[in-house]
């Protein structure tokens, strides 16, 4: 479901969407976002936060922008960054 919404909203390659969706699933499974901010990781949560990134950013850049913001504000989110050389 998230992969389809990522495709509709941001495009990107199938591989990139799969990697971002998998990393979002890992973030959800970790319980970090819910524990730190009381926010459940849902497709809507992911899309909404990625939409806040600069418009010219690719899907991976948007994801890393959001995760970077979480890391700056709460710490401990570095493991959820997506290496751009693997995704693009």
N, C-alpha and C. Protein backbone atom coordinates (compact mmCIF):
# COMPACT_ATOMS: atom_id res chain seq x y z
N UNK A 1 0.82 -1.19 0.00
CA UNK A 1 0.00 0.00 0.00
C UNK A 1 0.87 1.26 0.00
N UNK A 2 1.89 1.31 0.88
CA UNK A 2 2.76 2.48 0.92
C UNK A 2 3.49 2.64 -0.39
N UNK A 3 3.97 1.55 -0.97
CA UNK A 3 4.71 1.66 -2.25
C UNK A 3 3.84 2.29 -3.33
N UNK A 4 2.59 1.92 -3.38
CA UNK A 4 1.69 2.50 -4.39
C UNK A 4 1.47 3.99 -4.13
N UNK A 5 1.31 4.37 -2.88
CA UNK A 5 1.12 5.78 -2.55
C UNK A 5 2.39 6.58 -2.84
N UNK A 6 3.56 5.98 -2.58
CA UNK A 6 4.82 6.65 -2.90
C UNK A 6 4.92 6.87 -4.41
N UNK A 7 4.53 5.86 -5.19
CA UNK A 7 4.57 5.98 -6.65
C UNK A 7 3.65 7.09 -7.13
N UNK A 8 2.44 7.13 -6.60
CA UNK A 8 1.46 8.14 -7.01
C UNK A 8 1.89 9.55 -6.64
N UNK A 9 2.54 9.68 -5.50
CA UNK A 9 2.88 11.01 -4.98
C UNK A 9 4.24 11.51 -5.43
N UNK A 10 5.24 10.60 -5.45
CA UNK A 10 6.62 11.04 -5.68
C UNK A 10 7.30 10.39 -6.88
N UNK A 11 6.73 9.33 -7.41
CA UNK A 11 7.40 8.62 -8.50
C UNK A 11 8.61 7.86 -7.98
N UNK A 12 9.70 7.92 -8.73
CA UNK A 12 10.89 7.16 -8.35
C UNK A 12 10.81 5.75 -8.89
N UNK A 13 11.91 5.08 -8.83
CA UNK A 13 11.96 3.71 -9.35
C UNK A 13 11.28 2.74 -8.39
N UNK A 14 10.91 1.59 -8.90
CA UNK A 14 10.30 0.55 -8.07
C UNK A 14 11.27 0.16 -6.95
N UNK A 15 12.53 0.04 -7.28
CA UNK A 15 13.55 -0.31 -6.27
C UNK A 15 13.58 0.73 -5.15
N UNK A 16 13.57 2.01 -5.52
CA UNK A 16 13.61 3.08 -4.53
C UNK A 16 12.37 3.04 -3.65
N UNK A 17 11.21 2.87 -4.25
CA UNK A 17 9.98 2.81 -3.46
C UNK A 17 9.98 1.61 -2.53
N UNK A 18 10.49 0.48 -2.99
CA UNK A 18 10.57 -0.72 -2.16
C UNK A 18 11.49 -0.48 -0.96
N UNK A 19 12.63 0.15 -1.20
CA UNK A 19 13.59 0.41 -0.11
C UNK A 19 13.00 1.38 0.91
N UNK A 20 12.39 2.46 0.44
CA UNK A 20 11.80 3.43 1.37
C UNK A 20 10.65 2.79 2.14
N UNK A 21 9.81 2.03 1.49
CA UNK A 21 8.70 1.36 2.18
C UNK A 21 9.22 0.37 3.22
N UNK A 22 10.27 -0.36 2.87
CA UNK A 22 10.86 -1.32 3.83
C UNK A 22 11.44 -0.58 5.04
N UNK A 23 12.10 0.53 4.79
CA UNK A 23 12.68 1.29 5.88
C UNK A 23 11.59 1.91 6.75
N UNK A 24 10.50 2.34 6.13
CA UNK A 24 9.36 2.84 6.90
C UNK A 24 8.78 1.74 7.78
N UNK A 25 8.73 0.53 7.25
CA UNK A 25 8.26 -0.62 8.03
C UNK A 25 9.19 -0.88 9.21
N UNK A 26 10.49 -0.77 8.97
CA UNK A 26 11.46 -0.94 10.06
C UNK A 26 11.27 0.13 11.13
N UNK A 27 11.02 1.37 10.69
CA UNK A 27 10.77 2.46 11.63
C UNK A 27 9.51 2.16 12.45
N UNK A 28 8.46 1.70 11.80
CA UNK A 28 7.22 1.36 12.51
C UNK A 28 7.47 0.24 13.51
N UNK A 29 8.17 -0.80 13.07
CA UNK A 29 8.45 -1.94 13.95
C UNK A 29 9.28 -1.56 15.16
N UNK A 30 10.13 -0.55 15.01
CA UNK A 30 11.00 -0.14 16.11
C UNK A 30 10.22 0.53 17.24
N UNK A 31 9.08 1.12 16.91
CA UNK A 31 8.29 1.84 17.91
C UNK A 31 8.88 3.19 18.31
N UNK A 32 9.96 3.60 17.65
CA UNK A 32 10.64 4.85 18.01
C UNK A 32 9.74 6.07 17.85
N UNK A 33 9.13 6.23 16.70
CA UNK A 33 8.34 7.42 16.43
C UNK A 33 7.15 7.50 17.37
N UNK A 34 6.53 6.38 17.60
CA UNK A 34 5.39 6.36 18.52
C UNK A 34 5.84 6.67 19.94
N UNK A 35 6.99 6.11 20.33
CA UNK A 35 7.51 6.37 21.67
C UNK A 35 7.96 7.81 21.87
N UNK A 36 8.62 8.37 20.86
CA UNK A 36 9.15 9.73 20.97
C UNK A 36 8.09 10.80 20.79
N UNK A 37 7.15 10.56 19.88
CA UNK A 37 6.22 11.64 19.52
C UNK A 37 4.75 11.23 19.59
N UNK A 38 4.48 9.97 19.90
CA UNK A 38 3.10 9.51 19.95
C UNK A 38 2.45 9.41 18.58
N UNK A 39 3.29 9.24 17.54
CA UNK A 39 2.79 9.19 16.17
C UNK A 39 2.98 7.78 15.61
N UNK A 40 1.90 7.19 15.12
CA UNK A 40 1.97 5.88 14.48
C UNK A 40 2.48 6.05 13.05
N UNK A 41 3.36 5.14 12.65
CA UNK A 41 3.88 5.17 11.28
C UNK A 41 2.86 4.49 10.37
N UNK A 42 2.17 5.29 9.59
CA UNK A 42 1.18 4.81 8.64
C UNK A 42 1.57 5.36 7.26
N UNK A 43 0.99 4.83 6.19
CA UNK A 43 1.26 5.43 4.88
C UNK A 43 0.97 6.93 4.86
N UNK A 44 -0.11 7.36 5.48
CA UNK A 44 -0.47 8.78 5.49
C UNK A 44 0.58 9.60 6.24
N UNK A 45 1.06 9.08 7.36
CA UNK A 45 2.10 9.77 8.13
C UNK A 45 3.35 9.94 7.28
N UNK A 46 3.76 8.86 6.62
CA UNK A 46 4.97 8.91 5.79
C UNK A 46 4.80 9.91 4.66
N UNK A 47 3.72 9.80 3.90
CA UNK A 47 3.49 10.68 2.75
C UNK A 47 3.44 12.14 3.22
N UNK A 48 2.71 12.41 4.28
CA UNK A 48 2.57 13.77 4.78
C UNK A 48 3.92 14.37 5.15
N UNK A 49 4.76 13.61 5.82
CA UNK A 49 6.06 14.12 6.23
C UNK A 49 7.01 14.27 5.04
N UNK A 50 6.93 13.38 4.09
CA UNK A 50 7.78 13.48 2.91
C UNK A 50 7.36 14.67 2.04
N UNK A 51 6.09 15.00 2.05
CA UNK A 51 5.60 16.15 1.29
C UNK A 51 6.17 17.47 1.83
N UNK A 52 6.59 17.48 3.08
CA UNK A 52 7.15 18.69 3.69
C UNK A 52 8.58 18.98 3.23
N UNK A 53 9.24 18.00 2.65
CA UNK A 53 10.62 18.19 2.18
C UNK A 53 10.63 19.12 0.97
N UNK A 54 11.78 19.71 0.67
CA UNK A 54 11.87 20.56 -0.52
C UNK A 54 11.39 19.83 -1.77
N UNK A 55 10.65 20.54 -2.58
CA UNK A 55 9.98 19.95 -3.75
C UNK A 55 10.93 19.29 -4.75
N UNK A 56 12.12 19.84 -4.88
CA UNK A 56 13.06 19.30 -5.87
C UNK A 56 13.75 18.02 -5.41
N UNK A 57 13.52 17.60 -4.17
CA UNK A 57 14.17 16.40 -3.64
C UNK A 57 13.59 15.13 -4.25
N UNK A 58 14.45 14.16 -4.45
CA UNK A 58 14.02 12.82 -4.88
C UNK A 58 13.35 12.12 -3.69
N UNK A 59 12.78 10.98 -3.94
CA UNK A 59 12.12 10.21 -2.87
C UNK A 59 13.09 9.89 -1.75
N UNK A 60 14.27 9.41 -2.08
CA UNK A 60 15.25 9.08 -1.04
C UNK A 60 15.69 10.33 -0.29
N UNK A 61 15.91 11.40 -1.00
CA UNK A 61 16.29 12.65 -0.33
C UNK A 61 15.19 13.12 0.61
N UNK A 62 13.94 12.97 0.19
CA UNK A 62 12.82 13.34 1.06
C UNK A 62 12.80 12.48 2.32
N UNK A 63 12.96 11.17 2.12
CA UNK A 63 12.98 10.26 3.27
C UNK A 63 14.11 10.66 4.21
N UNK A 64 15.31 10.84 3.71
CA UNK A 64 16.45 11.17 4.56
C UNK A 64 16.30 12.55 5.21
N UNK A 65 15.63 13.46 4.53
CA UNK A 65 15.34 14.78 5.11
C UNK A 65 14.46 14.62 6.34
N UNK A 66 13.40 13.81 6.25
CA UNK A 66 12.50 13.58 7.38
C UNK A 66 13.23 12.86 8.51
N UNK A 67 13.92 11.79 8.18
CA UNK A 67 14.63 11.03 9.21
C UNK A 67 15.73 11.89 9.85
N UNK A 68 16.37 12.73 9.05
CA UNK A 68 17.37 13.63 9.59
C UNK A 68 16.76 14.61 10.58
N UNK A 69 15.57 15.09 10.28
CA UNK A 69 14.86 15.98 11.20
C UNK A 69 14.53 15.26 12.51
N UNK A 70 14.09 14.02 12.39
CA UNK A 70 13.80 13.23 13.59
C UNK A 70 15.06 13.00 14.40
N UNK A 71 16.16 12.73 13.72
CA UNK A 71 17.42 12.48 14.41
C UNK A 71 17.90 13.74 15.13
N UNK A 72 17.78 14.89 14.48
CA UNK A 72 18.19 16.14 15.12
C UNK A 72 17.35 16.46 16.35
N UNK A 73 16.06 16.21 16.25
CA UNK A 73 15.18 16.58 17.36
C UNK A 73 15.14 15.56 18.49
N UNK A 74 15.35 14.27 18.16
CA UNK A 74 15.18 13.24 19.18
C UNK A 74 16.39 12.31 19.32
N UNK A 75 17.23 12.25 18.30
CA UNK A 75 18.38 11.34 18.32
C UNK A 75 17.96 9.90 18.09
N UNK A 76 18.88 9.10 17.60
CA UNK A 76 18.64 7.67 17.45
C UNK A 76 17.97 7.22 16.18
N UNK A 77 17.84 8.11 15.20
CA UNK A 77 17.17 7.74 13.96
C UNK A 77 18.14 7.47 12.81
N UNK A 78 19.42 7.57 13.06
CA UNK A 78 20.41 7.39 11.99
C UNK A 78 20.29 6.04 11.30
N UNK A 79 19.91 5.02 12.03
CA UNK A 79 19.81 3.69 11.43
C UNK A 79 18.71 3.59 10.37
N UNK A 80 17.85 4.61 10.30
CA UNK A 80 16.77 4.60 9.32
C UNK A 80 17.08 5.41 8.07
N UNK A 81 18.27 5.95 7.97
CA UNK A 81 18.67 6.64 6.75
C UNK A 81 18.80 5.62 5.62
N UNK A 82 18.50 6.05 4.40
CA UNK A 82 18.67 5.21 3.21
C UNK A 82 19.91 5.69 2.47
N UNK A 83 20.81 4.80 2.23
CA UNK A 83 22.01 5.15 1.48
C UNK A 83 21.61 5.39 0.02
N UNK A 84 21.92 6.55 -0.47
CA UNK A 84 21.45 6.93 -1.81
C UNK A 84 22.06 6.05 -2.90
N UNK A 85 23.27 5.55 -2.72
CA UNK A 85 23.87 4.71 -3.75
C UNK A 85 23.18 3.36 -3.88
N UNK A 86 22.43 2.95 -2.90
CA UNK A 86 21.70 1.68 -2.98
C UNK A 86 20.32 1.85 -3.61
N UNK A 87 19.75 3.03 -3.46
CA UNK A 87 18.37 3.23 -3.86
C UNK A 87 18.19 3.78 -5.27
N UNK A 88 19.07 4.60 -5.72
CA UNK A 88 18.86 5.27 -7.01
C UNK A 88 19.32 4.43 -8.17
